[in-house]
């Protein structure tokens, strides 16, 4: 729900502002229209399993599922580009 609120209001805690700004910049530069909404875990068992790091459960639910690690760009983490 925090992510939904952050994208809906474009307001975040100071520590999340770099991530929000980076996301909005990426959307703007790529002409993306992003909509973030909350789907309860009971209605989205795969996303719920992944968000709880239950990767083996997610793969049991979708046997051909590929899970790839993601590292956000450094500017999204608040790192300076010096």
Protein backbone atom coordinates (compact mmCIF):
# COMPACT_ATOMS: atom_id res chain seq x y z
CA UNK A 1 0.00 0.00 0.00
CA UNK A 2 2.93 2.36 0.63
CA UNK A 3 4.01 2.09 -3.01
CA UNK A 4 0.46 2.70 -4.20
CA UNK A 5 0.22 5.83 -2.05
CA UNK A 6 3.67 7.05 -3.14
CA UNK A 7 2.81 6.88 -6.86
CA UNK A 8 -0.73 8.15 -6.37
CA UNK A 9 0.32 11.21 -4.37
CA UNK A 10 3.87 11.66 -5.78
CA UNK A 11 4.86 12.19 -2.16
CA UNK A 12 7.22 9.97 -0.22
CA UNK A 13 9.35 9.89 2.88
CA UNK A 14 12.64 11.73 2.23
CA UNK A 15 14.60 8.47 2.00
CA UNK A 16 12.31 7.27 -0.82
CA UNK A 17 12.31 10.52 -2.81
CA UNK A 18 15.33 9.55 -4.98
CA UNK A 19 13.57 6.31 -5.94
CA UNK A 20 10.33 8.13 -6.74
CA UNK A 21 12.13 10.82 -8.77
CA UNK A 22 14.13 8.21 -10.69
CA UNK A 23 10.95 6.26 -11.46
CA UNK A 24 9.11 9.34 -12.67
CA UNK A 25 12.10 10.40 -14.80
CA UNK A 26 12.27 6.95 -16.40
CA UNK A 27 8.54 7.06 -17.15
CA UNK A 28 8.78 10.56 -18.61
CA UNK A 29 11.80 9.79 -20.80
CA UNK A 30 10.18 6.59 -22.09
CA UNK A 31 6.68 8.05 -22.50
CA UNK A 32 5.30 5.43 -20.10
CA UNK A 33 1.97 5.73 -18.38
CA UNK A 34 2.25 3.77 -15.13
CA UNK A 35 -0.63 2.93 -12.86
CA UNK A 36 0.08 1.33 -9.51
CA UNK A 37 -2.73 -0.34 -7.64
CA UNK A 38 -2.96 -2.66 -4.71
CA UNK A 39 -4.16 -6.20 -5.32
CA UNK A 40 -4.65 -8.21 -2.11
CA UNK A 41 -2.36 -11.23 -1.79
CA UNK A 42 -5.34 -13.61 -1.77
CA UNK A 43 -6.16 -12.34 -5.28
CA UNK A 44 -2.57 -12.49 -6.55
CA UNK A 45 -0.87 -15.49 -5.01
CA UNK A 46 2.21 -15.30 -7.26
CA UNK A 47 3.05 -11.68 -6.41
CA UNK A 48 2.31 -12.42 -2.76
CA UNK A 49 4.72 -15.38 -2.76
CA UNK A 50 7.45 -13.32 -4.44
CA UNK A 51 6.99 -10.36 -2.08
CA UNK A 52 7.44 -12.73 0.86
CA UNK A 53 10.54 -14.29 -0.79
CA UNK A 54 8.73 -17.62 -1.18
CA UNK A 55 10.27 -18.19 -4.60
CA UNK A 56 9.82 -21.96 -4.60
CA UNK A 57 6.07 -21.49 -4.01
CA UNK A 58 5.86 -18.98 -6.88
CA UNK A 59 7.61 -21.46 -9.19
CA UNK A 60 5.25 -24.25 -8.07
CA UNK A 61 2.33 -21.98 -8.97
CA UNK A 62 3.86 -21.09 -12.35
CA UNK A 63 6.39 -23.76 -13.34
CA UNK A 64 7.88 -21.75 -16.24
CA UNK A 65 8.26 -18.60 -14.12
CA UNK A 66 11.64 -16.87 -14.35
CA UNK A 67 12.66 -14.77 -11.35
CA UNK A 68 15.53 -12.36 -11.96
CA UNK A 69 17.26 -10.30 -9.29
CA UNK A 70 16.91 -6.52 -9.72
CA UNK A 71 19.27 -3.85 -8.47
CA UNK A 72 17.89 -0.30 -8.77
CA UNK A 73 20.06 2.32 -10.50
CA UNK A 74 22.39 4.07 -8.06
CA UNK A 75 20.63 7.42 -8.54
CA UNK A 76 17.40 5.78 -7.41
CA UNK A 77 19.15 4.76 -4.19
CA UNK A 78 20.22 8.32 -3.44
CA UNK A 79 23.86 7.82 -4.46
CA UNK A 80 25.58 10.85 -5.91
CA UNK A 81 27.17 10.61 -9.35
CA UNK A 82 30.52 12.21 -8.49
